[in-house]
Amino acid sequence: MMIEEGYKKRYKAGDTPWEIGKPDFNLIQTVTTMAIKPCKALDIGCGTGDNSIWLNLRRITYSFCRHKTSYCYC
């Protein structure tokens, strides 16, 4: 089975443990504790977009790519 087929099966079955329904704690810690100036960010493999949404709420411009549905937003 190809890797892509395996991911398709997992998404179809709802077996996606990497989708945690909230932004990644490492992202939150980094952005809130470091002096990060306004910038652009790229969220590759954004899944449901939790990290991108969180970044947007902090006025950080972002782009994301999601291979599963073959679209990108810039």
PDB file of N, CA and C in Angstrom:
ATOM      1  N   MET A   1       0.847  -1.175   0.000  1.00  0.00           N
ATOM      2  CA  MET A   1       0.000   0.000   0.000  1.00  0.00           C
ATOM      3  C   MET A   1       0.897   1.245   0.000  1.00  0.00           C
ATOM      4  N   MET A   2       0.542   2.207  -0.836  1.00  0.00           N
ATOM      5  CA  MET A   2       1.297   3.454  -0.884  1.00  0.00           C
ATOM      6  C   MET A   2       0.950   4.304   0.336  1.00  0.00           C
ATOM      7  N   ILE A   3       1.852   5.192   0.701  1.00  0.00           N
ATOM      8  CA  ILE A   3       1.653   6.049   1.865  1.00  0.00           C
ATOM      9  C   ILE A   3       0.370   6.864   1.726  1.00  0.00           C
ATOM     10  N   GLU A   4       0.149   7.441   0.562  1.00  0.00           N
ATOM     11  CA  GLU A   4      -1.055   8.262   0.351  1.00  0.00           C
ATOM     12  C   GLU A   4      -2.325   7.451   0.582  1.00  0.00           C
ATOM     13  N   GLU A   5      -2.339   6.224   0.124  1.00  0.00           N
ATOM     14  CA  GLU A   5      -3.506   5.356   0.323  1.00  0.00           C
ATOM     15  C   GLU A   5      -3.740   5.106   1.813  1.00  0.00           C
ATOM     16  N   GLY A   6      -2.649   4.920   2.543  1.00  0.00           N
ATOM     17  CA  GLY A   6      -2.760   4.714   3.990  1.00  0.00           C
ATOM     18  C   GLY A   6      -3.377   5.918   4.693  1.00  0.00           C
ATOM     19  N   TYR A   7      -2.961   7.120   4.282  1.00  0.00           N
ATOM     20  CA  TYR A   7      -3.533   8.331   4.871  1.00  0.00           C
ATOM     21  C   TYR A   7      -5.006   8.474   4.510  1.00  0.00           C
ATOM     22  N   LYS A   8      -5.342   8.169   3.282  1.00  0.00           N
ATOM     23  CA  LYS A   8      -6.745   8.253   2.863  1.00  0.00           C
ATOM     24  C   LYS A   8      -7.615   7.332   3.709  1.00  0.00           C
ATOM     25  N   LYS A   9      -7.124   6.122   3.956  1.00  0.00           N
ATOM     26  CA  LYS A   9      -7.878   5.176   4.786  1.00  0.00           C
ATOM     27  C   LYS A   9      -8.032   5.703   6.208  1.00  0.00           C
ATOM     28  N   ARG A  10      -6.955   6.279   6.753  1.00  0.00           N
ATOM     29  CA  ARG A  10      -7.026   6.806   8.124  1.00  0.00           C
ATOM     30  C   ARG A  10      -8.016   7.954   8.228  1.00  0.00           C
ATOM     31  N   TYR A  11      -7.976   8.878   7.250  1.00  0.00           N
ATOM     32  CA  TYR A  11      -8.936   9.989   7.265  1.00  0.00           C
ATOM     33  C   TYR A  11     -10.362   9.481   7.140  1.00  0.00           C
ATOM     34  N   LYS A  12     -10.580   8.530   6.259  1.00  0.00           N
ATOM     35  CA  LYS A  12     -11.919   7.981   6.061  1.00  0.00           C
ATOM     36  C   LYS A  12     -12.435   7.316   7.337  1.00  0.00           C
ATOM     37  N   ALA A  13     -11.535   6.634   8.060  1.00  0.00           N
ATOM     38  CA  ALA A  13     -11.916   5.948   9.296  1.00  0.00           C
ATOM     39  C   ALA A  13     -11.956   6.886  10.503  1.00  0.00           C
ATOM     40  N   GLY A  14     -11.504   8.128  10.317  1.00  0.00           N
ATOM     41  CA  GLY A  14     -11.463   9.062  11.450  1.00  0.00           C
ATOM     42  C   GLY A  14     -10.297   8.793  12.377  1.00  0.00           C
ATOM     43  N   ASP A  15      -9.311   8.043  11.916  1.00  0.00           N
ATOM     44  CA  ASP A  15      -8.132   7.694  12.718  1.00  0.00           C
ATOM     45  C   ASP A  15      -6.998   8.673  12.402  1.00  0.00           C
ATOM     46  N   THR A  16      -7.106   9.882  12.963  1.00  0.00           N
ATOM     47  CA  THR A  16      -6.118  10.938  12.691  1.00  0.00           C
ATOM     48  C   THR A  16      -5.640  11.545  14.016  1.00  0.00           C
ATOM     49  N   PRO A  17      -4.775  10.829  14.730  1.00  0.00           N
ATOM     50  CA  PRO A  17      -4.340  11.309  16.035  1.00  0.00           C
ATOM     51  C   PRO A  17      -3.551  12.612  15.982  1.00  0.00           C
ATOM     52  N   TRP A  18      -3.053  12.988  14.813  1.00  0.00           N
ATOM     53  CA  TRP A  18      -2.311  14.244  14.694  1.00  0.00           C
ATOM     54  C   TRP A  18      -3.260  15.437  14.666  1.00  0.00           C
ATOM     55  N   GLU A  19      -4.536  15.213  14.444  1.00  0.00           N
ATOM     56  CA  GLU A  19      -5.538  16.281  14.485  1.00  0.00           C
ATOM     57  C   GLU A  19      -6.020  16.392  15.923  1.00  0.00           C
ATOM     58  N   ILE A  20      -5.497  17.382  16.654  1.00  0.00           N
ATOM     59  CA  ILE A  20      -5.805  17.478  18.079  1.00  0.00           C
ATOM     60  C   ILE A  20      -6.870  18.526  18.402  1.00  0.00           C
ATOM     61  N   GLY A  21      -7.343  19.245  17.377  1.00  0.00           N
ATOM     62  CA  GLY A  21      -8.435  20.193  17.589  1.00  0.00           C
ATOM     63  C   GLY A  21      -8.023  21.496  18.239  1.00  0.00           C
ATOM     64  N   LYS A  22      -6.738  21.760  18.279  1.00  0.00           N
ATOM     65  CA  LYS A  22      -6.238  23.006  18.852  1.00  0.00           C
ATOM     66  C   LYS A  22      -4.834  23.249  18.309  1.00  0.00           C
ATOM     67  N   PRO A  23      -4.333  24.485  18.425  1.00  0.00           N
ATOM     68  CA  PRO A  23      -2.980  24.765  17.932  1.00  0.00           C
ATOM     69  C   PRO A  23      -1.937  23.976  18.720  1.00  0.00           C
ATOM     70  N   ASP A  24      -0.848  23.657  18.065  1.00  0.00           N
ATOM     71  CA  ASP A  24       0.245  22.923  18.694  1.00  0.00           C
ATOM     72  C   ASP A  24       0.869  23.742  19.822  1.00  0.00           C
ATOM     73  N   PHE A  25       1.101  23.122  20.964  1.00  0.00           N
ATOM     74  CA  PHE A  25       1.644  23.837  22.114  1.00  0.00           C
ATOM     75  C   PHE A  25       3.032  24.405  21.842  1.00  0.00           C
ATOM     76  N   ASN A  26       3.802  23.755  20.977  1.00  0.00           N
ATOM     77  CA  ASN A  26       5.130  24.280  20.637  1.00  0.00           C
ATOM     78  C   ASN A  26       5.019  25.610  19.900  1.00  0.00           C
ATOM     79  N   LEU A  27       4.050  25.724  19.018  1.00  0.00           N
ATOM     80  CA  LEU A  27       3.811  26.975  18.306  1.00  0.00           C
ATOM     81  C   LEU A  27       3.410  28.070  19.287  1.00  0.00           C
ATOM     82  N   ILE A  28       2.471  27.768  20.158  1.00  0.00           N
ATOM     83  CA  ILE A  28       1.999  28.751  21.130  1.00  0.00           C
ATOM     84  C   ILE A  28       3.149  29.220  22.011  1.00  0.00           C
ATOM     85  N   GLN A  29       3.926  28.284  22.530  1.00  0.00           N
ATOM     86  CA  GLN A  29       5.043  28.639  23.401  1.00  0.00           C
ATOM     87  C   GLN A  29       6.057  29.514  22.673  1.00  0.00           C
ATOM     88  N   THR A  30       6.393  29.157  21.453  1.00  0.00           N
ATOM     89  CA  THR A  30       7.378  29.915  20.696  1.00  0.00           C
ATOM     90  C   THR A  30       6.892  31.330  20.415  1.00  0.00           C
ATOM     91  N   VAL A  31       5.671  31.457  19.926  1.00  0.00           N
ATOM     92  CA  VAL A  31       5.158  32.778  19.549  1.00  0.00           C
ATOM     93  C   VAL A  31       4.935  33.664  20.773  1.00  0.00           C
ATOM     94  N   THR A  32       4.516  33.085  21.876  1.00  0.00           N
ATOM     95  CA  THR A  32       4.206  33.904  23.050  1.00  0.00           C
ATOM     96  C   THR A  32       5.415  34.212  23.925  1.00  0.00           C
ATOM     97  N   THR A  33       6.501  33.468  23.784  1.00  0.00           N
ATOM     98  CA  THR A  33       7.655  33.721  24.657  1.00  0.00           C
ATOM     99  C   THR A  33       8.841  34.346  23.941  1.00  0.00           C
ATOM    100  N   MET A  34       8.820  34.369  22.623  1.00  0.00           N
ATOM    101  CA  MET A  34       9.931  34.955  21.880  1.00  0.00           C
ATOM    102  C   MET A  34       9.473  36.273  21.251  1.00  0.00           C
ATOM    103  N   ALA A  35      10.403  37.167  21.074  1.00  0.00           N
ATOM    104  CA  ALA A  35      10.092  38.461  20.466  1.00  0.00           C
ATOM    105  C   ALA A  35      10.023  38.300  18.946  1.00  0.00           C
ATOM    106  N   ILE A  36       8.901  37.816  18.472  1.00  0.00           N
ATOM    107  CA  ILE A  36       8.722  37.606  17.036  1.00  0.00           C
ATOM    108  C   ILE A  36       8.007  38.829  16.464  1.00  0.00           C
ATOM    109  N   LYS A  37       8.663  39.479  15.526  1.00  0.00           N
ATOM    110  CA  LYS A  37       8.078  40.644  14.865  1.00  0.00           C
ATOM    111  C   LYS A  37       7.046  40.172  13.857  1.00  0.00           C
ATOM    112  N   PRO A  38       6.125  41.072  13.450  1.00  0.00           N
ATOM    113  CA  PRO A  38       5.170  40.682  12.413  1.00  0.00           C
ATOM    114  C   PRO A  38       5.903  40.096  11.211  1.00  0.00           C
ATOM    115  N   CYS A  39       5.408  38.987  10.724  1.00  0.00           N
ATOM    116  CA  CYS A  39       6.102  38.277   9.659  1.00  0.00           C
ATOM    117  C   CYS A  39       5.114  37.402   8.903  1.00  0.00           C
ATOM    118  N   LYS A  40       5.649  36.635   7.992  1.00  0.00           N
ATOM    119  CA  LYS A  40       4.851  35.658   7.260  1.00  0.00           C
ATOM    120  C   LYS A  40       5.229  34.268   7.751  1.00  0.00           C
ATOM    121  N   ALA A  41       4.258  33.375   7.773  1.00  0.00           N
ATOM    122  CA  ALA A  41       4.508  31.997   8.200  1.00  0.00           C
ATOM    123  C   ALA A  41       3.909  31.053   7.165  1.00  0.00           C
ATOM    124  N   LEU A  42       4.482  29.867   7.046  1.00  0.00           N
ATOM    125  CA  LEU A  42       3.983  28.835   6.141  1.00  0.00           C
ATOM    126  C   LEU A  42       3.644  27.600   6.969  1.00  0.00           C
ATOM    127  N   ASP A  43       2.421  27.166   6.866  1.00  0.00           N
ATOM    128  CA  ASP A  43       1.949  25.977   7.588  1.00  0.00           C
ATOM    129  C   ASP A  43       1.760  24.862   6.568  1.00  0.00           C
ATOM    130  N   ILE A  44       2.788  24.018   6.431  1.00  0.00           N
ATOM    131  CA  ILE A  44       2.748  22.932   5.450  1.00  0.00           C
ATOM    132  C   ILE A  44       2.022  21.744   6.066  1.00  0.00           C
ATOM    133  N   GLY A  45       1.086  21.179   5.341  1.00  0.00           N
ATOM    134  CA  GLY A  45       0.314  20.058   5.871  1.00  0.00           C
ATOM    135  C   GLY A  45      -0.595  20.525   6.984  1.00  0.00           C
ATOM    136  N   CYS A  46      -1.352  21.586   6.735  1.00  0.00           N
ATOM    137  CA  CYS A  46      -2.091  22.275   7.797  1.00  0.00           C
ATOM    138  C   CYS A  46      -3.241  21.489   8.396  1.00  0.00           C
ATOM    139  N   GLY A  47      -3.631  20.391   7.775  1.00  0.00           N
ATOM    140  CA  GLY A  47      -4.741  19.613   8.341  1.00  0.00           C
ATOM    141  C   GLY A  47      -5.993  20.454   8.443  1.00  0.00           C
ATOM    142  N   THR A  48      -6.559  20.573   9.629  1.00  0.00           N
ATOM    143  CA  THR A  48      -7.781  21.359   9.813  1.00  0.00           C
ATOM    144  C   THR A  48      -7.504  22.836   9.998  1.00  0.00           C
ATOM    145  N   GLY A  49      -6.250  23.229  10.004  1.00  0.00           N
ATOM    146  CA  GLY A  49      -5.893  24.651  10.041  1.00  0.00           C
ATOM    147  C   GLY A  49      -5.823  25.272  11.418  1.00  0.00           C
ATOM    148  N   ASP A  50      -5.770  24.480  12.469  1.00  0.00           N
ATOM    149  CA  ASP A  50      -5.756  25.036  13.821  1.00  0.00           C
ATOM    150  C   ASP A  50      -4.584  25.997  14.047  1.00  0.00           C
ATOM    151  N   ASN A  51      -3.398  25.632  13.577  1.00  0.00           N
ATOM    152  CA  ASN A  51      -2.238  26.510  13.747  1.00  0.00           C
ATOM    153  C   ASN A  51      -2.389  27.790  12.929  1.00  0.00           C
ATOM    154  N   SER A  52      -2.886  27.661  11.699  1.00  0.00           N
ATOM    155  CA  SER A  52      -3.056  28.831  10.836  1.00  0.00           C
ATOM    156  C   SER A  52      -4.073  29.800  11.420  1.00  0.00           C
ATOM    157  N   ILE A  53      -5.155  29.288  11.942  1.00  0.00           N
ATOM    158  CA  ILE A  53      -6.176  30.139  12.559  1.00  0.00           C
ATOM    159  C   ILE A  53      -5.593  30.857  13.764  1.00  0.00           C
ATOM    160  N   TRP A  54      -4.858  30.153  14.592  1.00  0.00           N
ATOM    161  CA  TRP A  54      -4.249  30.755  15.778  1.00  0.00           C
ATOM    162  C   TRP A  54      -3.287  31.869  15.376  1.00  0.00           C
ATOM    163  N   LEU A  55      -2.475  31.622  14.348  1.00  0.00           N
ATOM    164  CA  LEU A  55      -1.549  32.647  13.860  1.00  0.00           C
ATOM    165  C   LEU A  55      -2.311  33.860  13.344  1.00  0.00           C
ATOM    166  N   ASN A  56      -3.380  33.629  12.616  1.00  0.00           N
ATOM    167  CA  ASN A  56      -4.173  34.726  12.080  1.00  0.00           C
ATOM    168  C   ASN A  56      -4.739  35.594  13.194  1.00  0.00           C
ATOM    169  N   LEU A  57      -5.174  34.991  14.272  1.00  0.00           N
ATOM    170  CA  LEU A  57      -5.717  35.745  15.400  1.00  0.00           C
ATOM    171  C   LEU A  57      -4.656  36.629  16.057  1.00  0.00           C
ATOM    172  N   ARG A  58      -3.383  36.316  15.826  1.00  0.00           N
ATOM    173  CA  ARG A  58      -2.283  37.121  16.357  1.00  0.00           C
ATOM    174  C   ARG A  58      -1.683  38.026  15.279  1.00  0.00           C
ATOM    175  N   ARG A  59      -2.425  38.220  14.222  1.00  0.00           N
ATOM    176  CA  ARG A  59      -2.056  39.106  13.113  1.00  0.00           C
ATOM    177  C   ARG A  59      -0.746  38.711  12.439  1.00  0.00           C
ATOM    178  N   ILE A  60      -0.497  37.430  12.398  1.00  0.00           N
ATOM    179  CA  ILE A  60       0.657  36.920  11.655  1.00  0.00           C
ATOM    180  C   ILE A  60       0.128  36.422  10.312  1.00  0.00           C
ATOM    181  N   THR A  61       0.668  36.978   9.242  1.00  0.00           N
ATOM    182  CA  THR A  61       0.258  36.573   7.897  1.00  0.00           C
ATOM    183  C   THR A  61       0.733  35.147   7.664  1.00  0.00           C
ATOM    184  N   TYR A  62      -0.100  34.318   7.110  1.00  0.00           N
ATOM    185  CA  TYR A  62       0.271  32.924   6.919  1.00  0.00           C
ATOM    186  C   TYR A  62      -0.175  32.415   5.562  1.00  0.00           C
ATOM    187  N   SER A  63       0.451  31.377   5.153  1.00  0.00           N
ATOM    188  CA  SER A  63       0.061  30.607   3.977  1.00  0.00           C
ATOM    189  C   SER A  63       0.004  29.157   4.432  1.00  0.00           C
ATOM    190  N   PHE A  64      -0.822  28.373   3.783  1.00  0.00           N
ATOM    191  CA  PHE A  64      -0.864  26.965   4.145  1.00  0.00           C
ATOM    192  C   PHE A  64      -1.019  26.103   2.911  1.00  0.00           C
ATOM    193  N   CYS A  65      -0.587  24.872   3.043  1.00  0.00           N
ATOM    194  CA  CYS A  65      -0.745  23.881   1.983  1.00  0.00           C
ATOM    195  C   CYS A  65      -1.349  22.637   2.588  1.00  0.00           C
ATOM    196  N   ARG A  66      -2.282  22.076   1.885  1.00  0.00           N
ATOM    197  CA  ARG A  66      -2.904  20.839   2.351  1.00  0.00           C
ATOM    198  C   ARG A  66      -2.936  19.874   1.180  1.00  0.00           C
ATOM    199  N   HIS A  67      -2.094  18.876   1.243  1.00  0.00           N
ATOM    200  CA  HIS A  67      -1.979  17.930   0.134  1.00  0.00           C
ATOM    201  C   HIS A  67      -3.229  17.075  -0.025  1.00  0.00           C
ATOM    202  N   LYS A  68      -3.871  16.743   1.070  1.00  0.00           N
ATOM    203  CA  LYS A  68      -5.015  15.821   1.015  1.00  0.00           C
ATOM    204  C   LYS A  68      -6.057  16.281  -0.003  1.00  0.00           C
ATOM    205  N   THR A  69      -6.295  17.575  -0.045  1.00  0.00           N
ATOM    206  CA  THR A  69      -7.285  18.089  -0.977  1.00  0.00           C
ATOM    207  C   THR A  69      -6.625  18.865  -2.114  1.00  0.00           C
ATOM    208  N   SER A  70      -5.304  18.845  -2.144  1.00  0.00           N
ATOM    209  CA  SER A  70      -4.520  19.467  -3.213  1.00  0.00           C
ATOM    210  C   SER A  70      -4.825  20.941  -3.402  1.00  0.00           C
ATOM    211  N   TYR A  71      -4.836  21.692  -2.306  1.00  0.00           N
ATOM    212  CA  TYR A  71      -4.980  23.128  -2.468  1.00  0.00           C
ATOM    213  C   TYR A  71      -3.993  23.860  -1.561  1.00  0.00           C
ATOM    214  N   CYS A  72      -3.699  25.067  -1.951  1.00  0.00           N
ATOM    215  CA  CYS A  72      -2.825  25.935  -1.165  1.00  0.00           C
ATOM    216  C   CYS A  72      -3.469  27.308  -1.088  1.00  0.00           C
ATOM    217  N   TYR A  73      -3.244  27.991  -0.005  1.00  0.00           N
ATOM    218  CA  TYR A  73      -3.713  29.353   0.169  1.00  0.00           C
ATOM    219  C   TYR A  73      -2.506  30.215   0.491  1.00  0.00           C
ATOM    220  N   CYS A  74      -2.334  31.271  -0.240  1.00  0.00           N
ATOM    221  CA  CYS A  74      -1.208  32.176   0.010  1.00  0.00           C
ATOM    222  C   CYS A  74      -1.718  33.602   0.138  1.00  0.00           C
TER     223      CYS A  74
END
